[in-house]
């Protein structure tokens, strides 16, 4: 029997998914990409592959896990294996520049962003912003490396201070600061390319907005994550087309609305997590994130097995 092969490097984030796969009695195998080896000339095991590659792997001591996972996925796809969130997702997960370029190509608005490499070019770019701006790592995850700066002088002082952490790929992004009328951003979750639900995320406590239970921090007032019932927006269709065009099946996409009413998309998470406290407030029978992911993987595995049966009988 074929099974679901899960490429991962963070066991804490993977455990809740495994619980859902066990609940659905779905066969799976764990494939830790924090280290490993494979024979490029040998065919990979048959089955369905699901990549849980994360841009923040380096923050857990797995500096080259993304590069190794990318190599594994190139091997899998070369042999025609079905990879959920394959090489196209890798490209966007590991580079916000790639995200913004792809979003703009799709006609989806993004904040003004300047990629920089080197101290002096970064300060020169900072001087082009008329008001406050933020810096962020091109390869980030969990809001790592995101800081607000009042002006170029404050940014230069920050570069030389103890809070500055160089980006892992050497590319630091400077981005216009969006002052939203209300302190929240919205994250749209998609599973199997279909819209699942929208989450409103409180931003009063800063930029680390990871929804996983392990990295969530409750703000002083109210829950940090709230699922928005009956959410409607043209972005649902726009994001759905974008994910289909980029062959991404599972993702969370975040946007913020400015004072002029512009919706600006600023982050795509292809290793998306779900907040259990927010989902606990949903009505019985409402879709849940990891349960939906497990069900989707189960359907994909069944389709793969059916296709194999048809081929073997032909």
C-alpha atoms as a PDB file:
ATOM      1  CA  UNK A   1       0.000   0.000   0.000  1.00  0.00           C
ATOM      2  CA  UNK A   2       1.280   3.471  -0.831  1.00  0.00           C
ATOM      3  CA  UNK A   3       1.434   6.020   1.965  1.00  0.00           C
ATOM      4  CA  UNK A   4       1.803   9.704   2.728  1.00  0.00           C
ATOM      5  CA  UNK A   5       5.430  10.775   3.108  1.00  0.00           C
ATOM      6  CA  UNK A   6       5.753  13.894   5.282  1.00  0.00           C
ATOM      7  CA  UNK A   7       8.881  16.002   4.776  1.00  0.00           C
ATOM      8  CA  UNK A   8       9.466  17.994   7.971  1.00  0.00           C
ATOM      9  CA  UNK A   9      12.131  19.467  10.263  1.00  0.00           C
ATOM     10  CA  UNK A  10       9.992  20.664  13.195  1.00  0.00           C
ATOM     11  CA  UNK A  11       8.490  17.768  15.150  1.00  0.00           C
ATOM     12  CA  UNK A  12       6.504  20.124  17.416  1.00  0.00           C
ATOM     13  CA  UNK A  13       4.595  21.561  14.458  1.00  0.00           C
ATOM     14  CA  UNK A  14       4.163  18.103  12.914  1.00  0.00           C
ATOM     15  CA  UNK A  15       2.660  16.306  15.913  1.00  0.00           C
ATOM     16  CA  UNK A  16      -0.865  17.825  15.609  1.00  0.00           C
ATOM     17  CA  UNK A  17      -1.002  16.802  11.935  1.00  0.00           C
ATOM     18  CA  UNK A  18      -0.014  13.239  12.808  1.00  0.00           C
ATOM     19  CA  UNK A  19      -2.841  13.093  15.330  1.00  0.00           C
ATOM     20  CA  UNK A  20      -5.318  13.956  12.559  1.00  0.00           C
ATOM     21  CA  UNK A  21      -3.796  11.387  10.187  1.00  0.00           C
ATOM     22  CA  UNK A  22      -4.062   8.769  12.935  1.00  0.00           C
ATOM     23  CA  UNK A  23      -7.670   9.766  13.551  1.00  0.00           C
ATOM     24  CA  UNK A  24      -8.396   9.200   9.866  1.00  0.00           C
ATOM     25  CA  UNK A  25      -6.399   5.935   9.870  1.00  0.00           C
ATOM     26  CA  UNK A  26      -4.230   7.213   7.047  1.00  0.00           C
ATOM     27  CA  UNK A  27      -0.873   5.511   6.470  1.00  0.00           C
ATOM     28  CA  UNK A  28       2.136   7.810   6.666  1.00  0.00           C
ATOM     29  CA  UNK A  29       5.906   7.895   6.985  1.00  0.00           C
ATOM     30  CA  UNK A  30       7.957  10.696   8.516  1.00  0.00           C
ATOM     31  CA  UNK A  31      10.911  12.023   6.544  1.00  0.00           C
ATOM     32  CA  UNK A  32      13.133  14.320   8.635  1.00  0.00           C
ATOM     33  CA  UNK A  33      14.914  16.767   6.312  1.00  0.00           C
ATOM     34  CA  UNK A  34      17.007  18.342   9.066  1.00  0.00           C
ATOM     35  CA  UNK A  35      19.626  15.861   7.810  1.00  0.00           C
ATOM     36  CA  UNK A  36      19.738  12.848   5.513  1.00  0.00           C
ATOM     37  CA  UNK A  37      20.963  11.229   2.303  1.00  0.00           C
ATOM     38  CA  UNK A  38      19.474   9.702  -0.835  1.00  0.00           C
ATOM     39  CA  UNK A  39      20.596   8.182  -4.135  1.00  0.00           C
ATOM     40  CA  UNK A  40      19.743  10.568  -6.951  1.00  0.00           C
ATOM     41  CA  UNK A  41      19.902   7.745  -9.518  1.00  0.00           C
ATOM     42  CA  UNK A  42      17.444   5.519  -7.624  1.00  0.00           C
ATOM     43  CA  UNK A  43      13.660   6.008  -7.817  1.00  0.00           C
ATOM     44  CA  UNK A  44      12.029   7.385  -4.643  1.00  0.00           C
ATOM     45  CA  UNK A  45       9.483   5.269  -2.771  1.00  0.00           C
ATOM     46  CA  UNK A  46       6.044   5.465  -4.295  1.00  0.00           C
ATOM     47  CA  UNK A  47       3.293   7.392  -2.574  1.00  0.00           C
ATOM     48  CA  UNK A  48       2.082  10.912  -1.863  1.00  0.00           C
ATOM     49  CA  UNK A  49       4.571  13.465  -0.530  1.00  0.00           C
ATOM     50  CA  UNK A  50       3.674  16.500   1.571  1.00  0.00           C
ATOM     51  CA  UNK A  51       6.336  19.132   2.200  1.00  0.00           C
ATOM     52  CA  UNK A  52       6.230  20.943   5.553  1.00  0.00           C
ATOM     53  CA  UNK A  53       9.302  22.976   4.614  1.00  0.00           C
ATOM     54  CA  UNK A  54       9.621  26.138   6.713  1.00  0.00           C
ATOM     55  CA  UNK A  55      11.634  29.286   6.068  1.00  0.00           C
ATOM     56  CA  UNK A  56      12.325  29.592   9.802  1.00  0.00           C
ATOM     57  CA  UNK A  57      14.214  26.261  10.029  1.00  0.00           C
ATOM     58  CA  UNK A  58      17.486  28.082  10.737  1.00  0.00           C
ATOM     59  CA  UNK A  59      15.975  29.512  13.941  1.00  0.00           C
ATOM     60  CA  UNK A  60      15.735  25.927  15.261  1.00  0.00           C
ATOM     61  CA  UNK A  61      19.344  25.011  14.452  1.00  0.00           C
ATOM     62  CA  UNK A  62      18.500  23.489  11.067  1.00  0.00           C
ATOM     63  CA  UNK A  63      20.387  25.985   8.907  1.00  0.00           C
ATOM     64  CA  UNK A  64      20.459  23.950   5.689  1.00  0.00           C
ATOM     65  CA  UNK A  65      17.236  21.959   6.065  1.00  0.00           C
ATOM     66  CA  UNK A  66      15.447  24.107   3.420  1.00  0.00           C
ATOM     67  CA  UNK A  67      18.247  23.556   0.903  1.00  0.00           C
ATOM     68  CA  UNK A  68      18.287  19.821   1.587  1.00  0.00           C
ATOM     69  CA  UNK A  69      14.487  19.594   1.411  1.00  0.00           C
ATOM     70  CA  UNK A  70      14.591  21.431  -1.904  1.00  0.00           C
ATOM     71  CA  UNK A  71      17.097  18.860  -3.202  1.00  0.00           C
ATOM     72  CA  UNK A  72      14.835  16.008  -2.077  1.00  0.00           C
ATOM     73  CA  UNK A  73      11.826  17.596  -3.768  1.00  0.00           C
ATOM     74  CA  UNK A  74      13.751  18.078  -7.029  1.00  0.00           C
ATOM     75  CA  UNK A  75      14.515  14.351  -6.932  1.00  0.00           C
ATOM     76  CA  UNK A  76      10.904  13.429  -6.188  1.00  0.00           C
ATOM     77  CA  UNK A  77       9.488  15.573  -8.981  1.00  0.00           C
ATOM     78  CA  UNK A  78      12.086  14.322 -11.476  1.00  0.00           C
ATOM     79  CA  UNK A  79      10.651  10.833 -10.939  1.00  0.00           C
ATOM     80  CA  UNK A  80       7.073  12.047 -11.275  1.00  0.00           C
ATOM     81  CA  UNK A  81       6.115  11.724  -7.614  1.00  0.00           C
ATOM     82  CA  UNK A  82       3.131  13.777  -6.471  1.00  0.00           C
ATOM     83  CA  UNK A  83       4.399  16.426  -4.036  1.00  0.00           C
ATOM     84  CA  UNK A  84       1.881  18.613  -2.212  1.00  0.00           C
ATOM     85  CA  UNK A  85       3.516  22.038  -1.910  1.00  0.00           C
ATOM     86  CA  UNK A  86       6.447  21.064  -4.102  1.00  0.00           C
ATOM     87  CA  UNK A  87       9.179  23.088  -5.788  1.00  0.00           C
ATOM     88  CA  UNK A  88       6.929  26.061  -6.611  1.00  0.00           C
ATOM     89  CA  UNK A  89       5.998  26.386  -2.950  1.00  0.00           C
ATOM     90  CA  UNK A  90       9.670  26.088  -1.951  1.00  0.00           C
ATOM     91  CA  UNK A  91      10.568  29.045  -4.152  1.00  0.00           C
ATOM     92  CA  UNK A  92       7.976  31.282  -2.515  1.00  0.00           C
ATOM     93  CA  UNK A  93       8.483  29.998   1.027  1.00  0.00           C
ATOM     94  CA  UNK A  94      12.186  30.847   0.990  1.00  0.00           C
ATOM     95  CA  UNK A  95      12.026  34.303  -0.586  1.00  0.00           C
ATOM     96  CA  UNK A  96       9.679  37.192   0.064  1.00  0.00           C
ATOM     97  CA  UNK A  97      11.125  38.857  -3.046  1.00  0.00           C
ATOM     98  CA  UNK A  98       9.858  35.875  -5.045  1.00  0.00           C
ATOM     99  CA  UNK A  99       6.490  36.189  -3.284  1.00  0.00           C
ATOM    100  CA  UNK A 100       6.078  39.877  -4.095  1.00  0.00           C
ATOM    101  CA  UNK A 101       7.208  39.430  -7.697  1.00  0.00           C
ATOM    102  CA  UNK A 102       4.709  36.604  -8.213  1.00  0.00           C
ATOM    103  CA  UNK A 103       1.906  38.543  -6.483  1.00  0.00           C
ATOM    104  CA  UNK A 104       2.496  41.609  -8.641  1.00  0.00           C
ATOM    105  CA  UNK A 105       2.502  39.446 -11.770  1.00  0.00           C
ATOM    106  CA  UNK A 106      -0.910  38.153 -10.650  1.00  0.00           C
ATOM    107  CA  UNK A 107      -2.199  41.724 -10.197  1.00  0.00           C
ATOM    108  CA  UNK A 108      -2.307  41.502  -6.396  1.00  0.00           C
ATOM    109  CA  UNK A 109      -1.196  44.688  -4.617  1.00  0.00           C
ATOM    110  CA  UNK A 110       1.773  44.555  -2.236  1.00  0.00           C
ATOM    111  CA  UNK A 111       3.472  47.208  -0.071  1.00  0.00           C
ATOM    112  CA  UNK A 112       6.386  49.133  -1.561  1.00  0.00           C
ATOM    113  CA  UNK A 113       9.455  47.019  -0.819  1.00  0.00           C
ATOM    114  CA  UNK A 114      13.191  47.538  -1.397  1.00  0.00           C
ATOM    115  CA  UNK A 115      15.469  44.482  -1.230  1.00  0.00           C
ATOM    116  CA  UNK A 116      18.956  45.441  -0.020  1.00  0.00           C
ATOM    117  CA  UNK A 117      22.322  43.716   0.342  1.00  0.00           C
ATOM    118  CA  UNK A 118      24.998  45.497   2.356  1.00  0.00           C
ATOM    119  CA  UNK A 119      24.951  48.215   5.006  1.00  0.00           C
ATOM    120  CA  UNK A 120      25.460  51.305   2.855  1.00  0.00           C
ATOM    121  CA  UNK A 121      22.916  50.289   0.180  1.00  0.00           C
ATOM    122  CA  UNK A 122      20.396  49.538   2.945  1.00  0.00           C
ATOM    123  CA  UNK A 123      20.823  53.014   4.453  1.00  0.00           C
ATOM    124  CA  UNK A 124      20.536  54.564   0.981  1.00  0.00           C
ATOM    125  CA  UNK A 125      17.265  52.709   0.452  1.00  0.00           C
ATOM    126  CA  UNK A 126      16.040  53.824   3.887  1.00  0.00           C
ATOM    127  CA  UNK A 127      16.433  57.454   2.839  1.00  0.00           C
ATOM    128  CA  UNK A 128      13.881  56.926   0.051  1.00  0.00           C
ATOM    129  CA  UNK A 129      11.057  56.397   2.568  1.00  0.00           C
ATOM    130  CA  UNK A 130       9.221  59.581   3.525  1.00  0.00           C
ATOM    131  CA  UNK A 131       7.785  58.145   6.740  1.00  0.00           C
ATOM    132  CA  UNK A 132       8.195  55.154   9.050  1.00  0.00           C
ATOM    133  CA  UNK A 133       9.143  51.844   7.464  1.00  0.00           C
ATOM    134  CA  UNK A 134       9.871  48.298   8.566  1.00  0.00           C
ATOM    135  CA  UNK A 135      12.794  45.990   7.935  1.00  0.00           C
ATOM    136  CA  UNK A 136      12.354  42.250   7.513  1.00  0.00           C
ATOM    137  CA  UNK A 137      14.357  39.266   6.392  1.00  0.00           C
ATOM    138  CA  UNK A 138      13.851  37.976   2.859  1.00  0.00           C
ATOM    139  CA  UNK A 139      13.870  34.463   4.330  1.00  0.00           C
ATOM    140  CA  UNK A 140      11.974  34.925   7.547  1.00  0.00           C
ATOM    141  CA  UNK A 141       9.194  33.004   9.236  1.00  0.00           C
ATOM    142  CA  UNK A 142       7.438  33.672  12.562  1.00  0.00           C
ATOM    143  CA  UNK A 143       7.973  37.426  12.143  1.00  0.00           C
ATOM    144  CA  UNK A 144      11.696  37.032  12.717  1.00  0.00           C
ATOM    145  CA  UNK A 145      13.775  40.112  12.015  1.00  0.00           C
ATOM    146  CA  UNK A 146      10.820  42.495  11.633  1.00  0.00           C
ATOM    147  CA  UNK A 147      11.413  45.951  13.147  1.00  0.00           C
ATOM    148  CA  UNK A 148       9.779  49.360  12.821  1.00  0.00           C
ATOM    149  CA  UNK A 149      12.009  52.375  12.105  1.00  0.00           C
ATOM    150  CA  UNK A 150      11.051  56.054  12.285  1.00  0.00           C
ATOM    151  CA  UNK A 151      13.605  57.223   9.721  1.00  0.00           C
ATOM    152  CA  UNK A 152      16.946  56.455   8.060  1.00  0.00           C
ATOM    153  CA  UNK A 153      18.961  57.729  11.039  1.00  0.00           C
ATOM    154  CA  UNK A 154      17.139  55.426  13.449  1.00  0.00           C
ATOM    155  CA  UNK A 155      17.587  52.555  11.003  1.00  0.00           C
ATOM    156  CA  UNK A 156      21.345  53.177  10.747  1.00  0.00           C
ATOM    157  CA  UNK A 157      21.637  53.173  14.534  1.00  0.00           C
ATOM    158  CA  UNK A 158      19.686  49.915  14.683  1.00  0.00           C
ATOM    159  CA  UNK A 159      22.028  48.311  12.132  1.00  0.00           C
ATOM    160  CA  UNK A 160      24.932  48.986  14.490  1.00  0.00           C
ATOM    161  CA  UNK A 161      23.049  47.992  17.639  1.00  0.00           C
ATOM    162  CA  UNK A 162      22.515  44.715  19.518  1.00  0.00           C
ATOM    163  CA  UNK A 163      19.013  44.051  18.151  1.00  0.00           C
ATOM    164  CA  UNK A 164      20.175  43.725  14.556  1.00  0.00           C
ATOM    165  CA  UNK A 165      20.405  40.133  13.324  1.00  0.00           C
ATOM    166  CA  UNK A 166      21.696  39.718   9.750  1.00  0.00           C
ATOM    167  CA  UNK A 167      19.286  37.875   7.437  1.00  0.00           C
ATOM    168  CA  UNK A 168      20.261  34.290   6.765  1.00  0.00           C
ATOM    169  CA  UNK A 169      20.443  34.833   2.977  1.00  0.00           C
ATOM    170  CA  UNK A 170      22.010  38.304   3.194  1.00  0.00           C
ATOM    171  CA  UNK A 171      18.944  40.099   1.789  1.00  0.00           C
ATOM    172  CA  UNK A 172      17.252  42.650   4.041  1.00  0.00           C
ATOM    173  CA  UNK A 173      13.927  44.093   2.902  1.00  0.00           C
ATOM    174  CA  UNK A 174      12.813  47.633   3.668  1.00  0.00           C
ATOM    175  CA  UNK A 175       9.065  48.034   3.354  1.00  0.00           C
ATOM    176  CA  UNK A 176       6.592  50.857   3.792  1.00  0.00           C
ATOM    177  CA  UNK A 177       4.864  50.761   7.161  1.00  0.00           C
ATOM    178  CA  UNK A 178       1.106  50.363   6.749  1.00  0.00           C
ATOM    179  CA  UNK A 179      -0.786  52.208   9.472  1.00  0.00           C
ATOM    180  CA  UNK A 180      -4.069  50.326   9.636  1.00  0.00           C
ATOM    181  CA  UNK A 181      -7.148  52.084  11.089  1.00  0.00           C
ATOM    182  CA  UNK A 182      -7.561  49.101  13.445  1.00  0.00           C
ATOM    183  CA  UNK A 183      -4.671  47.034  14.898  1.00  0.00           C
ATOM    184  CA  UNK A 184      -5.111  43.780  13.033  1.00  0.00           C
ATOM    185  CA  UNK A 185      -4.196  41.907   9.884  1.00  0.00           C
ATOM    186  CA  UNK A 186      -6.211  39.210   8.116  1.00  0.00           C
ATOM    187  CA  UNK A 187      -4.977  35.781   7.107  1.00  0.00           C
ATOM    188  CA  UNK A 188      -6.859  33.649   4.573  1.00  0.00           C
ATOM    189  CA  UNK A 189      -6.352  29.895   4.842  1.00  0.00           C
ATOM    190  CA  UNK A 190      -6.562  27.589   1.827  1.00  0.00           C
ATOM    191  CA  UNK A 191      -6.505  23.781   1.784  1.00  0.00           C
ATOM    192  CA  UNK A 192      -6.504  21.841  -1.468  1.00  0.00           C
ATOM    193  CA  UNK A 193      -6.673  25.183  -3.250  1.00  0.00           C
ATOM    194  CA  UNK A 194     -10.077  25.921  -1.677  1.00  0.00           C
ATOM    195  CA  UNK A 195     -10.776  28.713   0.801  1.00  0.00           C
ATOM    196  CA  UNK A 196     -11.089  27.377   4.346  1.00  0.00           C
ATOM    197  CA  UNK A 197     -11.591  30.443   6.574  1.00  0.00           C
ATOM    198  CA  UNK A 198     -10.270  33.905   7.445  1.00  0.00           C
ATOM    199  CA  UNK A 199      -8.440  34.718  10.673  1.00  0.00           C
ATOM    200  CA  UNK A 200      -8.194  38.198  12.169  1.00  0.00           C
ATOM    201  CA  UNK A 201      -4.878  38.584  14.013  1.00  0.00           C
ATOM    202  CA  UNK A 202      -4.341  41.240  16.682  1.00  0.00           C
ATOM    203  CA  UNK A 203      -1.084  43.143  16.031  1.00  0.00           C
ATOM    204  CA  UNK A 204      -0.907  45.274  19.177  1.00  0.00           C
ATOM    205  CA  UNK A 205       1.858  43.094  20.637  1.00  0.00           C
ATOM    206  CA  UNK A 206       4.128  43.269  17.585  1.00  0.00           C
ATOM    207  CA  UNK A 207       5.017  41.414  14.411  1.00  0.00           C
ATOM    208  CA  UNK A 208       5.386  37.800  15.551  1.00  0.00           C
ATOM    209  CA  UNK A 209       2.080  36.501  14.233  1.00  0.00           C
ATOM    210  CA  UNK A 210       2.695  32.759  13.997  1.00  0.00           C
ATOM    211  CA  UNK A 211      -0.661  31.024  14.678  1.00  0.00           C
ATOM    212  CA  UNK A 212       0.800  27.772  15.980  1.00  0.00           C
ATOM    213  CA  UNK A 213       0.044  27.117  19.627  1.00  0.00           C
ATOM    214  CA  UNK A 214       3.776  26.852  20.341  1.00  0.00           C
ATOM    215  CA  UNK A 215       4.596  30.419  19.274  1.00  0.00           C
ATOM    216  CA  UNK A 216       1.391  32.348  19.970  1.00  0.00           C
ATOM    217  CA  UNK A 217       1.430  35.090  22.606  1.00  0.00           C
ATOM    218  CA  UNK A 218      -1.847  36.339  24.020  1.00  0.00           C
ATOM    219  CA  UNK A 219      -2.273  40.135  23.938  1.00  0.00           C
ATOM    220  CA  UNK A 220      -3.493  42.035  26.989  1.00  0.00           C
ATOM    221  CA  UNK A 221      -7.016  42.385  25.608  1.00  0.00           C
ATOM    222  CA  UNK A 222      -8.976  39.565  24.029  1.00  0.00           C
ATOM    223  CA  UNK A 223      -7.773  36.617  21.936  1.00  0.00           C
ATOM    224  CA  UNK A 224      -4.952  37.196  19.500  1.00  0.00           C
ATOM    225  CA  UNK A 225      -6.533  35.031  16.778  1.00  0.00           C
ATOM    226  CA  UNK A 226     -10.218  35.168  15.823  1.00  0.00           C
ATOM    227  CA  UNK A 227     -11.802  33.296  12.925  1.00  0.00           C
ATOM    228  CA  UNK A 228     -14.109  35.609  10.977  1.00  0.00           C
ATOM    229  CA  UNK A 229     -17.443  33.963  10.205  1.00  0.00           C
ATOM    230  CA  UNK A 230     -19.018  34.785   6.852  1.00  0.00           C
ATOM    231  CA  UNK A 231     -15.872  36.468   5.541  1.00  0.00           C
ATOM    232  CA  UNK A 232     -16.209  37.761   1.977  1.00  0.00           C
ATOM    233  CA  UNK A 233     -13.641  39.493  -0.222  1.00  0.00           C
ATOM    234  CA  UNK A 234     -12.518  39.553  -3.876  1.00  0.00           C
ATOM    235  CA  UNK A 235      -9.151  38.413  -2.511  1.00  0.00           C
ATOM    236  CA  UNK A 236     -10.547  34.908  -1.982  1.00  0.00           C
ATOM    237  CA  UNK A 237     -10.841  34.354  -5.733  1.00  0.00           C
ATOM    238  CA  UNK A 238      -7.622  36.236  -6.472  1.00  0.00           C
ATOM    239  CA  UNK A 239      -5.638  34.164  -3.993  1.00  0.00           C
ATOM    240  CA  UNK A 240      -7.248  30.949  -5.224  1.00  0.00           C
ATOM    241  CA  UNK A 241      -6.134  31.687  -8.793  1.00  0.00           C
ATOM    242  CA  UNK A 242      -2.682  32.674  -7.569  1.00  0.00           C
ATOM    243  CA  UNK A 243      -2.202  29.423  -5.655  1.00  0.00           C
ATOM    244  CA  UNK A 244      -3.421  27.343  -8.610  1.00  0.00           C
ATOM    245  CA  UNK A 245      -1.075  29.157 -11.000  1.00  0.00           C
ATOM    246  CA  UNK A 246       1.839  28.516  -8.649  1.00  0.00           C
ATOM    247  CA  UNK A 247       0.871  24.882  -7.922  1.00  0.00           C
ATOM    248  CA  UNK A 248       0.457  25.464  -4.189  1.00  0.00           C
ATOM    249  CA  UNK A 249      -2.228  23.401  -2.460  1.00  0.00           C
ATOM    250  CA  UNK A 250      -1.997  24.495   1.191  1.00  0.00           C
ATOM    251  CA  UNK A 251      -1.219  28.052   2.293  1.00  0.00           C
ATOM    252  CA  UNK A 252      -2.090  30.978   4.518  1.00  0.00           C
ATOM    253  CA  UNK A 253      -1.892  34.418   2.887  1.00  0.00           C
ATOM    254  CA  UNK A 254      -1.842  37.626   4.919  1.00  0.00           C
ATOM    255  CA  UNK A 255      -2.988  41.123   4.027  1.00  0.00           C
ATOM    256  CA  UNK A 256      -3.495  44.457   5.763  1.00  0.00           C
ATOM    257  CA  UNK A 257      -5.926  47.252   4.925  1.00  0.00           C
ATOM    258  CA  UNK A 258      -4.579  50.825   5.084  1.00  0.00           C
ATOM    259  CA  UNK A 259      -6.407  54.045   5.948  1.00  0.00           C
ATOM    260  CA  UNK A 260      -7.381  54.520   2.287  1.00  0.00           C
ATOM    261  CA  UNK A 261      -9.027  51.090   2.162  1.00  0.00           C
ATOM    262  CA  UNK A 262      -6.293  49.431   0.099  1.00  0.00           C
ATOM    263  CA  UNK A 263      -5.766  45.735   0.802  1.00  0.00           C
ATOM    264  CA  UNK A 264      -2.033  45.033   0.596  1.00  0.00           C
ATOM    265  CA  UNK A 265      -0.757  41.461   0.608  1.00  0.00           C
ATOM    266  CA  UNK A 266       2.557  41.014   2.381  1.00  0.00           C
ATOM    267  CA  UNK A 267       3.139  37.349   3.272  1.00  0.00           C
ATOM    268  CA  UNK A 268       2.514  33.842   1.950  1.00  0.00           C
ATOM    269  CA  UNK A 269       2.964  30.901   4.338  1.00  0.00           C
ATOM    270  CA  UNK A 270       3.159  27.554   2.569  1.00  0.00           C
ATOM    271  CA  UNK A 271       3.948  25.757   5.838  1.00  0.00           C
ATOM    272  CA  UNK A 272       0.819  27.124   7.434  1.00  0.00           C
ATOM    273  CA  UNK A 273      -0.207  26.478  11.050  1.00  0.00           C
ATOM    274  CA  UNK A 274      -3.600  26.817  12.725  1.00  0.00           C
ATOM    275  CA  UNK A 275      -4.481  28.255  16.106  1.00  0.00           C
ATOM    276  CA  UNK A 276      -6.315  25.663  18.260  1.00  0.00           C
ATOM    277  CA  UNK A 277      -7.876  28.254  20.577  1.00  0.00           C
ATOM    278  CA  UNK A 278      -9.446  30.117  17.660  1.00  0.00           C
ATOM    279  CA  UNK A 279     -10.749  26.858  16.170  1.00  0.00           C
ATOM    280  CA  UNK A 280     -12.160  25.793  19.543  1.00  0.00           C
ATOM    281  CA  UNK A 281     -14.580  28.729  19.332  1.00  0.00           C
ATOM    282  CA  UNK A 282     -15.989  27.512  15.999  1.00  0.00           C
ATOM    283  CA  UNK A 283     -19.414  25.903  15.825  1.00  0.00           C
ATOM    284  CA  UNK A 284     -19.537  22.090  15.730  1.00  0.00           C
ATOM    285  CA  UNK A 285     -19.059  20.828  12.189  1.00  0.00           C
ATOM    286  CA  UNK A 286     -17.240  23.954  10.986  1.00  0.00           C
ATOM    287  CA  UNK A 287     -14.061  23.201   9.026  1.00  0.00           C
ATOM    288  CA  UNK A 288     -10.825  22.985  10.997  1.00  0.00           C
ATOM    289  CA  UNK A 289      -7.353  23.462   9.576  1.00  0.00           C
ATOM    290  CA  UNK A 290      -5.429  20.274  10.238  1.00  0.00           C
ATOM    291  CA  UNK A 291      -8.528  18.090   9.964  1.00  0.00           C
ATOM    292  CA  UNK A 292      -9.085  19.589   6.507  1.00  0.00           C
ATOM    293  CA  UNK A 293      -5.424  19.038   5.579  1.00  0.00           C
ATOM    294  CA  UNK A 294      -5.591  15.388   6.663  1.00  0.00           C
ATOM    295  CA  UNK A 295      -8.821  14.867   4.715  1.00  0.00           C
ATOM    296  CA  UNK A 296      -7.291  16.476   1.626  1.00  0.00           C
ATOM    297  CA  UNK A 297      -4.169  14.295   1.854  1.00  0.00           C
ATOM    298  CA  UNK A 298      -6.419  11.268   2.244  1.00  0.00           C
ATOM    299  CA  UNK A 299      -8.302  12.150  -0.948  1.00  0.00           C
ATOM    300  CA  UNK A 300      -5.063  12.751  -2.845  1.00  0.00           C
ATOM    301  CA  UNK A 301      -3.681   9.409  -1.664  1.00  0.00           C
ATOM    302  CA  UNK A 302      -6.883   7.625  -2.698  1.00  0.00           C
ATOM    303  CA  UNK A 303      -6.701   9.234  -6.148  1.00  0.00           C
ATOM    304  CA  UNK A 304      -3.065   8.176  -6.451  1.00  0.00           C
ATOM    305  CA  UNK A 305      -3.890   4.605  -5.471  1.00  0.00           C
ATOM    306  CA  UNK A 306      -6.841   4.528  -7.882  1.00  0.00           C
ATOM    307  CA  UNK A 307      -4.658   5.781 -10.735  1.00  0.00           C
ATOM    308  CA  UNK A 308      -2.115   3.051  -9.946  1.00  0.00           C
ATOM    309  CA  UNK A 309      -4.855   0.396  -9.981  1.00  0.00           C
ATOM    310  CA  UNK A 310      -6.118   1.637 -13.347  1.00  0.00           C
ATOM    311  CA  UNK A 311      -2.614   1.552 -14.828  1.00  0.00           C
ATOM    312  CA  UNK A 312      -1.925  -1.947 -13.466  1.00  0.00           C
ATOM    313  CA  UNK A 313      -5.179  -3.275 -14.948  1.00  0.00           C
ATOM    314  CA  UNK A 314      -4.645  -1.698 -18.382  1.00  0.00           C
END
